[in-house]
Amino acid sequence: MPTQPELRLLPTGDAALTVEFGDSIDPAINARVLALDSALRDRPWLIETVPTYRSLLIYYDAAKVDFADLSADLLRLAAAPAASQDGGRTWTIPVAYGGEHGIDLEATAATHGITPEELVRRHSAPVYQVYMMGFLPGFAYLGGLDPTIATPRRVSPRLKTPPGTISIGGVQALVASIEAPSGWHLLGRTPVRNFMPGRDPVFLVQPGDRVRFRPIEERLFRELDEAAAAGAVVAEPTA
């Protein structure tokens, strides 16, 4: 039976700690990150948590908890087996692939010796797991990419990519939220605004959720993009 990586507890400034569970992108490691995140929700000393693929950053109120007691509590909770993460939602996200929305689709397909249509099929077939959010608000990093289309990142990153970009880099997949630089390969674009200030909710997809991609035509993209710009949630969530 495989053993769990050794936990590491790292002081991060004078009012934060990082709990590291491993050093790889792994669903079992990420499940433990999200389980600890969930277990801390009601702690009176908690200010904020930031889950990543393999670690949890914890900001705390140093006036409400002793460092030694906090460390012991975190190590005890982190060592517990991770419960199933079946409580998240599954989002069906519409994507316009190729053309102006996915300028790397054809080149990426050629890299793997397949047609653009086959690349779209392989990309939209899995149910992805949302591992983490970052490095900008609403950027959803996904695990579960078909390994046959895993593609190293671009040698020369672009300085600007559109909001809503659907892309891949290495073994990861991404739902972008706002315009940003990127070295990933742009396969398509979604009208979904995963981050929209002033809307309730501001964020849609969360760590622990799942994502399916649904290919759509340009006409439907324009219709949904107009609705999303007005604040509509054009992704389809299921429990």
C-alpha atoms as a PDB file:
ATOM      1  CA  MET A   1       0.000   0.000   0.000  1.00  0.00           C
ATOM      2  CA  PRO A   2       1.443   3.435  -0.940  1.00  0.00           C
ATOM      3  CA  THR A   3       2.410   5.636   1.995  1.00  0.00           C
ATOM      4  CA  GLN A   4       1.339   9.230   2.410  1.00  0.00           C
ATOM      5  CA  PRO A   5       4.047  11.895   1.936  1.00  0.00           C
ATOM      6  CA  GLU A   6       5.346  13.394   5.169  1.00  0.00           C
ATOM      7  CA  LEU A   7       3.463  16.486   6.262  1.00  0.00           C
ATOM      8  CA  ARG A   8       5.393  19.743   6.474  1.00  0.00           C
ATOM      9  CA  LEU A   9       4.270  22.707   8.561  1.00  0.00           C
ATOM     10  CA  LEU A  10       5.941  25.943   7.449  1.00  0.00           C
ATOM     11  CA  PRO A  11       5.654  29.312   9.241  1.00  0.00           C
ATOM     12  CA  THR A  12       4.695  31.937   6.658  1.00  0.00           C
ATOM     13  CA  GLY A  13       5.159  35.329   8.221  1.00  0.00           C
ATOM     14  CA  ASP A  14       3.986  36.168  11.739  1.00  0.00           C
ATOM     15  CA  ALA A  15       0.309  35.223  11.284  1.00  0.00           C
ATOM     16  CA  ALA A  16       0.205  32.493   8.655  1.00  0.00           C
ATOM     17  CA  LEU A  17       1.163  28.836   8.241  1.00  0.00           C
ATOM     18  CA  THR A  18       1.456  26.566   5.225  1.00  0.00           C
ATOM     19  CA  VAL A  19       0.662  22.865   5.490  1.00  0.00           C
ATOM     20  CA  GLU A  20       2.357  20.909   2.698  1.00  0.00           C
ATOM     21  CA  PHE A  21       1.022  17.453   1.819  1.00  0.00           C
ATOM     22  CA  GLY A  22       3.368  16.532  -1.024  1.00  0.00           C
ATOM     23  CA  ASP A  23       5.190  17.863  -4.058  1.00  0.00           C
ATOM     24  CA  SER A  24       3.138  16.660  -7.032  1.00  0.00           C
ATOM     25  CA  ILE A  25      -0.175  17.139  -8.829  1.00  0.00           C
ATOM     26  CA  ASP A  26      -2.113  14.207  -7.429  1.00  0.00           C
ATOM     27  CA  PRO A  27      -5.846  13.787  -6.725  1.00  0.00           C
ATOM     28  CA  ALA A  28      -5.229  12.082  -3.376  1.00  0.00           C
ATOM     29  CA  ILE A  29      -2.947  14.901  -2.193  1.00  0.00           C
ATOM     30  CA  ASN A  30      -5.402  17.557  -3.334  1.00  0.00           C
ATOM     31  CA  ALA A  31      -8.242  15.745  -1.558  1.00  0.00           C
ATOM     32  CA  ARG A  32      -6.320  16.056   1.699  1.00  0.00           C
ATOM     33  CA  VAL A  33      -5.750  19.775   1.070  1.00  0.00           C
ATOM     34  CA  LEU A  34      -9.463  20.355   0.530  1.00  0.00           C
ATOM     35  CA  ALA A  35     -10.394  18.173   3.511  1.00  0.00           C
ATOM     36  CA  LEU A  36      -8.243  20.282   5.838  1.00  0.00           C
ATOM     37  CA  ASP A  37      -9.637  23.458   4.300  1.00  0.00           C
ATOM     38  CA  SER A  38     -13.168  22.237   5.048  1.00  0.00           C
ATOM     39  CA  ALA A  39     -12.271  21.154   8.598  1.00  0.00           C
ATOM     40  CA  LEU A  40     -11.043  24.650   9.481  1.00  0.00           C
ATOM     41  CA  ARG A  41     -14.099  26.611   8.364  1.00  0.00           C
ATOM     42  CA  ASP A  42     -15.529  27.205  11.869  1.00  0.00           C
ATOM     43  CA  ARG A  43     -12.288  27.857  13.757  1.00  0.00           C
ATOM     44  CA  PRO A  44     -12.604  31.194  15.640  1.00  0.00           C
ATOM     45  CA  TRP A  45      -8.989  32.132  14.890  1.00  0.00           C
ATOM     46  CA  LEU A  46      -9.282  31.604  11.130  1.00  0.00           C
ATOM     47  CA  ILE A  47      -8.957  34.646   8.842  1.00  0.00           C
ATOM     48  CA  GLU A  48      -8.537  33.080   5.407  1.00  0.00           C
ATOM     49  CA  THR A  49      -7.309  29.936   3.641  1.00  0.00           C
ATOM     50  CA  VAL A  50      -5.734  29.510   0.201  1.00  0.00           C
ATOM     51  CA  PRO A  51      -5.807  25.920  -1.104  1.00  0.00           C
ATOM     52  CA  THR A  52      -3.378  24.861  -3.843  1.00  0.00           C
ATOM     53  CA  TYR A  53      -2.630  21.571  -5.611  1.00  0.00           C
ATOM     54  CA  ARG A  54      -0.531  20.263  -2.720  1.00  0.00           C
ATOM     55  CA  SER A  55      -0.704  22.695   0.203  1.00  0.00           C
ATOM     56  CA  LEU A  56      -2.957  24.925   2.273  1.00  0.00           C
ATOM     57  CA  LEU A  57      -1.972  28.445   3.278  1.00  0.00           C
ATOM     58  CA  ILE A  58      -3.709  29.487   6.505  1.00  0.00           C
ATOM     59  CA  TYR A  59      -3.977  33.068   7.763  1.00  0.00           C
ATOM     60  CA  TYR A  60      -4.895  33.238  11.447  1.00  0.00           C
ATOM     61  CA  ASP A  61      -5.546  35.727  14.236  1.00  0.00           C
ATOM     62  CA  ALA A  62      -2.468  35.465  16.452  1.00  0.00           C
ATOM     63  CA  ALA A  63      -4.383  37.093  19.325  1.00  0.00           C
ATOM     64  CA  LYS A  64      -6.803  34.170  19.435  1.00  0.00           C
ATOM     65  CA  VAL A  65      -4.535  31.137  19.202  1.00  0.00           C
ATOM     66  CA  ASP A  66      -1.115  30.116  20.470  1.00  0.00           C
ATOM     67  CA  PHE A  67       1.339  29.075  17.733  1.00  0.00           C
ATOM     68  CA  ALA A  68       2.160  25.748  19.375  1.00  0.00           C
ATOM     69  CA  ASP A  69      -1.506  24.865  19.920  1.00  0.00           C
ATOM     70  CA  LEU A  70      -2.335  25.875  16.349  1.00  0.00           C
ATOM     71  CA  SER A  71       0.484  23.750  14.949  1.00  0.00           C
ATOM     72  CA  ALA A  72      -0.608  20.709  16.930  1.00  0.00           C
ATOM     73  CA  ASP A  73      -4.232  21.173  15.850  1.00  0.00           C
ATOM     74  CA  LEU A  74      -3.267  21.505  12.188  1.00  0.00           C
ATOM     75  CA  LEU A  75      -1.022  18.451  12.207  1.00  0.00           C
ATOM     76  CA  ARG A  76      -3.733  16.365  13.879  1.00  0.00           C
ATOM     77  CA  LEU A  77      -6.386  17.418  11.370  1.00  0.00           C
ATOM     78  CA  ALA A  78      -4.049  17.141   8.380  1.00  0.00           C
ATOM     79  CA  ALA A  79      -3.039  13.597   9.292  1.00  0.00           C
ATOM     80  CA  ALA A  80      -6.640  12.369   9.208  1.00  0.00           C
ATOM     81  CA  PRO A  81      -7.740  10.429   6.098  1.00  0.00           C
ATOM     82  CA  ALA A  82      -9.413  12.650   3.514  1.00  0.00           C
ATOM     83  CA  ALA A  83     -13.145  12.180   3.185  1.00  0.00           C
ATOM     84  CA  SER A  84     -14.739  11.851  -0.232  1.00  0.00           C
ATOM     85  CA  GLN A  85     -15.048  15.160  -2.081  1.00  0.00           C
ATOM     86  CA  ASP A  86     -18.413  14.264  -3.629  1.00  0.00           C
ATOM     87  CA  GLY A  87     -20.096  17.369  -2.225  1.00  0.00           C
ATOM     88  CA  GLY A  88     -18.858  19.711  -4.971  1.00  0.00           C
ATOM     89  CA  ARG A  89     -20.880  20.784  -7.967  1.00  0.00           C
ATOM     90  CA  THR A  90     -20.396  19.726 -11.573  1.00  0.00           C
ATOM     91  CA  TRP A  91     -20.365  22.624 -14.044  1.00  0.00           C
ATOM     92  CA  THR A  92     -21.085  22.212 -17.751  1.00  0.00           C
ATOM     93  CA  ILE A  93     -19.127  25.002 -19.421  1.00  0.00           C
ATOM     94  CA  PRO A  94     -19.846  25.912 -23.065  1.00  0.00           C
ATOM     95  CA  VAL A  95     -16.760  26.401 -25.262  1.00  0.00           C
ATOM     96  CA  ALA A  96     -16.302  27.779 -28.775  1.00  0.00           C
ATOM     97  CA  TYR A  97     -13.255  25.864 -30.019  1.00  0.00           C
ATOM     98  CA  GLY A  98     -10.805  27.004 -32.697  1.00  0.00           C
ATOM     99  CA  GLY A  99     -10.874  30.012 -34.984  1.00  0.00           C
ATOM    100  CA  GLU A 100     -10.302  33.371 -33.308  1.00  0.00           C
ATOM    101  CA  HIS A 101     -11.232  31.847 -29.942  1.00  0.00           C
ATOM    102  CA  GLY A 102      -8.737  28.976 -30.064  1.00  0.00           C
ATOM    103  CA  ILE A 103      -5.802  30.122 -32.139  1.00  0.00           C
ATOM    104  CA  ASP A 104      -3.580  27.188 -31.058  1.00  0.00           C
ATOM    105  CA  LEU A 105      -6.087  24.421 -31.771  1.00  0.00           C
ATOM    106  CA  GLU A 106      -4.775  23.386 -35.182  1.00  0.00           C
ATOM    107  CA  ALA A 107      -1.093  23.589 -34.236  1.00  0.00           C
ATOM    108  CA  THR A 108      -1.680  21.624 -31.022  1.00  0.00           C
ATOM    109  CA  ALA A 109      -3.588  18.954 -32.926  1.00  0.00           C
ATOM    110  CA  ALA A 110      -0.758  18.708 -35.471  1.00  0.00           C
ATOM    111  CA  THR A 111       1.738  18.275 -32.629  1.00  0.00           C
ATOM    112  CA  HIS A 112      -0.104  15.125 -31.597  1.00  0.00           C
ATOM    113  CA  GLY A 113      -0.767  13.893 -35.140  1.00  0.00           C
ATOM    114  CA  ILE A 114      -4.546  14.194 -34.843  1.00  0.00           C
ATOM    115  CA  THR A 115      -7.233  16.362 -36.384  1.00  0.00           C
ATOM    116  CA  PRO A 116      -8.561  19.480 -34.660  1.00  0.00           C
ATOM    117  CA  GLU A 117     -11.916  17.694 -34.348  1.00  0.00           C
ATOM    118  CA  GLU A 118     -10.276  14.798 -32.505  1.00  0.00           C
ATOM    119  CA  LEU A 119      -8.443  17.197 -30.206  1.00  0.00           C
ATOM    120  CA  VAL A 120     -11.754  18.851 -29.329  1.00  0.00           C
ATOM    121  CA  ARG A 121     -13.284  15.437 -28.655  1.00  0.00           C
ATOM    122  CA  ARG A 122     -10.448  14.390 -26.348  1.00  0.00           C
ATOM    123  CA  HIS A 123     -10.413  17.723 -24.548  1.00  0.00           C
ATOM    124  CA  SER A 124     -14.173  17.833 -23.973  1.00  0.00           C
ATOM    125  CA  ALA A 125     -14.600  14.149 -23.023  1.00  0.00           C
ATOM    126  CA  PRO A 126     -13.265  14.060 -19.412  1.00  0.00           C
ATOM    127  CA  VAL A 127     -14.893  15.232 -16.224  1.00  0.00           C
ATOM    128  CA  TYR A 128     -12.218  17.502 -14.783  1.00  0.00           C
ATOM    129  CA  GLN A 129     -11.504  18.095 -11.109  1.00  0.00           C
ATOM    130  CA  VAL A 130     -11.012  21.693  -9.958  1.00  0.00           C
ATOM    131  CA  TYR A 131      -7.797  21.523  -7.955  1.00  0.00           C
ATOM    132  CA  MET A 132      -7.194  25.178  -7.149  1.00  0.00           C
ATOM    133  CA  MET A 133      -7.891  28.823  -7.985  1.00  0.00           C
ATOM    134  CA  GLY A 134      -5.167  31.330  -8.911  1.00  0.00           C
ATOM    135  CA  PHE A 135      -2.958  33.053  -9.910  1.00  0.00           C
ATOM    136  CA  LEU A 136      -5.636  35.676 -10.659  1.00  0.00           C
ATOM    137  CA  PRO A 137      -9.236  35.855  -9.369  1.00  0.00           C
ATOM    138  CA  GLY A 138     -11.376  33.112 -10.884  1.00  0.00           C
ATOM    139  CA  PHE A 139      -8.616  31.200 -12.703  1.00  0.00           C
ATOM    140  CA  ALA A 140      -9.615  27.524 -12.316  1.00  0.00           C
ATOM    141  CA  TYR A 141      -6.812  24.963 -12.598  1.00  0.00           C
ATOM    142  CA  LEU A 142      -8.108  21.543 -13.599  1.00  0.00           C
ATOM    143  CA  GLY A 143      -6.846  17.986 -13.357  1.00  0.00           C
ATOM    144  CA  GLY A 144      -7.997  15.108 -15.535  1.00  0.00           C
ATOM    145  CA  LEU A 145      -6.663  16.100 -18.957  1.00  0.00           C
ATOM    146  CA  ASP A 146      -6.406  13.185 -21.393  1.00  0.00           C
ATOM    147  CA  PRO A 147      -2.651  12.374 -21.235  1.00  0.00           C
ATOM    148  CA  THR A 148      -2.560  11.800 -25.004  1.00  0.00           C
ATOM    149  CA  ILE A 149      -3.007  15.564 -25.538  1.00  0.00           C
ATOM    150  CA  ALA A 150      -0.735  16.815 -22.754  1.00  0.00           C
ATOM    151  CA  THR A 151       1.408  19.548 -24.331  1.00  0.00           C
ATOM    152  CA  PRO A 152       4.437  21.424 -22.952  1.00  0.00           C
ATOM    153  CA  ARG A 153       3.874  25.118 -22.472  1.00  0.00           C
ATOM    154  CA  ARG A 154       4.827  27.581 -25.183  1.00  0.00           C
ATOM    155  CA  VAL A 155       8.469  28.606 -25.420  1.00  0.00           C
ATOM    156  CA  SER A 156       7.382  32.249 -25.766  1.00  0.00           C
ATOM    157  CA  PRO A 157       4.405  33.225 -23.571  1.00  0.00           C
ATOM    158  CA  ARG A 158       1.884  35.693 -24.935  1.00  0.00           C
ATOM    159  CA  LEU A 159       1.608  39.031 -23.160  1.00  0.00           C
ATOM    160  CA  LYS A 160      -2.172  39.065 -23.489  1.00  0.00           C
ATOM    161  CA  THR A 161      -4.860  36.393 -23.832  1.00  0.00           C
ATOM    162  CA  PRO A 162      -8.648  36.971 -23.793  1.00  0.00           C
ATOM    163  CA  PRO A 163     -10.890  36.490 -20.751  1.00  0.00           C
ATOM    164  CA  GLY A 164     -12.614  33.127 -20.727  1.00  0.00           C
ATOM    165  CA  THR A 165      -9.757  31.365 -22.505  1.00  0.00           C
ATOM    166  CA  ILE A 166      -9.849  27.557 -22.384  1.00  0.00           C
ATOM    167  CA  SER A 167      -6.306  26.260 -22.625  1.00  0.00           C
ATOM    168  CA  ILE A 168      -3.892  23.463 -21.762  1.00  0.00           C
ATOM    169  CA  GLY A 169      -0.305  23.461 -20.488  1.00  0.00           C
ATOM    170  CA  GLY A 170       1.557  20.286 -19.637  1.00  0.00           C
ATOM    171  CA  VAL A 171      -0.908  17.908 -17.948  1.00  0.00           C
ATOM    172  CA  GLN A 172      -3.102  20.773 -16.747  1.00  0.00           C
ATOM    173  CA  ALA A 173      -6.236  22.383 -18.156  1.00  0.00           C
ATOM    174  CA  LEU A 174      -7.488  25.877 -17.394  1.00  0.00           C
ATOM    175  CA  VAL A 175     -10.615  27.992 -17.338  1.00  0.00           C
ATOM    176  CA  ALA A 176      -9.337  31.575 -17.439  1.00  0.00           C
ATOM    177  CA  SER A 177     -11.369  34.449 -16.061  1.00  0.00           C
ATOM    178  CA  ILE A 178      -9.815  37.761 -17.069  1.00  0.00           C
ATOM    179  CA  GLU A 179      -7.385  39.020 -19.690  1.00  0.00           C
ATOM    180  CA  ALA A 180      -3.856  37.968 -18.735  1.00  0.00           C
ATOM    181  CA  PRO A 181      -0.448  36.834 -20.016  1.00  0.00           C
ATOM    182  CA  SER A 182      -0.182  33.101 -20.707  1.00  0.00           C
ATOM    183  CA  GLY A 183       2.235  30.482 -21.982  1.00  0.00           C
ATOM    184  CA  TRP A 184      -0.526  27.907 -22.367  1.00  0.00           C
ATOM    185  CA  HIS A 185      -2.065  26.674 -25.639  1.00  0.00           C
ATOM    186  CA  LEU A 186      -5.379  28.371 -26.458  1.00  0.00           C
ATOM    187  CA  LEU A 187      -7.934  25.813 -27.646  1.00  0.00           C
ATOM    188  CA  GLY A 188     -11.120  27.829 -27.260  1.00  0.00           C
ATOM    189  CA  ARG A 189     -13.041  30.369 -25.261  1.00  0.00           C
ATOM    190  CA  THR A 190     -16.069  30.276 -22.987  1.00  0.00           C
ATOM    191  CA  PRO A 191     -18.633  33.043 -22.478  1.00  0.00           C
ATOM    192  CA  VAL A 192     -18.785  32.055 -18.794  1.00  0.00           C
ATOM    193  CA  ARG A 193     -17.531  34.737 -16.393  1.00  0.00           C
ATOM    194  CA  ASN A 194     -16.081  32.711 -13.552  1.00  0.00           C
ATOM    195  CA  PHE A 195     -15.168  35.967 -11.815  1.00  0.00           C
ATOM    196  CA  MET A 196     -17.487  38.973 -12.029  1.00  0.00           C
ATOM    197  CA  PRO A 197     -17.414  41.724  -9.389  1.00  0.00           C
ATOM    198  CA  GLY A 198     -20.893  42.957  -8.525  1.00  0.00           C
ATOM    199  CA  ARG A 199     -22.580  39.695  -9.417  1.00  0.00           C
ATOM    200  CA  ASP A 200     -23.962  37.300  -6.824  1.00  0.00           C
ATOM    201  CA  PRO A 201     -22.078  34.998  -6.680  1.00  0.00           C
ATOM    202  CA  VAL A 202     -18.850  36.776  -7.612  1.00  0.00           C
ATOM    203  CA  PHE A 203     -17.132  33.408  -8.209  1.00  0.00           C
ATOM    204  CA  LEU A 204     -18.776  30.349  -9.765  1.00  0.00           C
ATOM    205  CA  VAL A 205     -16.365  27.401  -9.909  1.00  0.00           C
ATOM    206  CA  GLN A 206     -14.628  26.473  -6.640  1.00  0.00           C
ATOM    207  CA  PRO A 207     -11.905  23.987  -5.585  1.00  0.00           C
ATOM    208  CA  GLY A 208     -13.490  20.547  -5.215  1.00  0.00           C
ATOM    209  CA  ASP A 209     -15.999  21.158  -8.018  1.00  0.00           C
ATOM    210  CA  ARG A 210     -15.931  19.311 -11.333  1.00  0.00           C
ATOM    211  CA  VAL A 211     -16.072  20.656 -14.891  1.00  0.00           C
ATOM    212  CA  ARG A 212     -17.340  19.322 -18.201  1.00  0.00           C
ATOM    213  CA  PHE A 213     -16.775  21.185 -21.471  1.00  0.00           C
ATOM    214  CA  ARG A 214     -19.569  21.399 -24.073  1.00  0.00           C
ATOM    215  CA  PRO A 215     -18.527  22.454 -27.600  1.00  0.00           C
ATOM    216  CA  ILE A 216     -20.759  25.185 -29.058  1.00  0.00           C
ATOM    217  CA  GLU A 217     -20.952  27.089 -32.338  1.00  0.00           C
ATOM    218  CA  GLU A 218     -19.992  30.721 -32.827  1.00  0.00           C
ATOM    219  CA  ARG A 219     -23.606  31.906 -33.011  1.00  0.00           C
ATOM    220  CA  LEU A 220     -24.438  30.443 -29.606  1.00  0.00           C
ATOM    221  CA  PHE A 221     -21.189  31.800 -28.173  1.00  0.00           C
ATOM    222  CA  ARG A 222     -22.217  35.345 -29.125  1.00  0.00           C
ATOM    223  CA  GLU A 223     -25.670  34.910 -27.588  1.00  0.00           C
ATOM    224  CA  LEU A 224     -24.316  33.496 -24.335  1.00  0.00           C
ATOM    225  CA  ASP A 225     -21.517  36.059 -24.189  1.00  0.00           C
ATOM    226  CA  GLU A 226     -24.064  38.878 -24.365  1.00  0.00           C
ATOM    227  CA  ALA A 227     -26.136  37.287 -21.606  1.00  0.00           C
ATOM    228  CA  ALA A 228     -23.061  36.698 -19.427  1.00  0.00           C
ATOM    229  CA  ALA A 229     -21.937  40.308 -19.857  1.00  0.00           C
ATOM    230  CA  ALA A 230     -25.292  41.331 -18.369  1.00  0.00           C
ATOM    231  CA  GLY A 231     -24.648  39.151 -15.315  1.00  0.00           C
ATOM    232  CA  ALA A 232     -26.295  35.861 -16.329  1.00  0.00           C
ATOM    233  CA  VAL A 233     -24.728  32.586 -15.174  1.00  0.00           C
ATOM    234  CA  VAL A 234     -24.452  30.715 -18.466  1.00  0.00           C
ATOM    235  CA  ALA A 235     -22.709  27.669 -17.039  1.00  0.00           C
ATOM    236  CA  GLU A 236     -24.947  24.794 -15.974  1.00  0.00           C
ATOM    237  CA  PRO A 237     -24.351  23.526 -12.400  1.00  0.00           C
ATOM    238  CA  THR A 238     -25.559  20.207 -10.991  1.00  0.00           C
ATOM    239  CA  ALA A 239     -25.184  18.986  -7.428  1.00  0.00           C
END
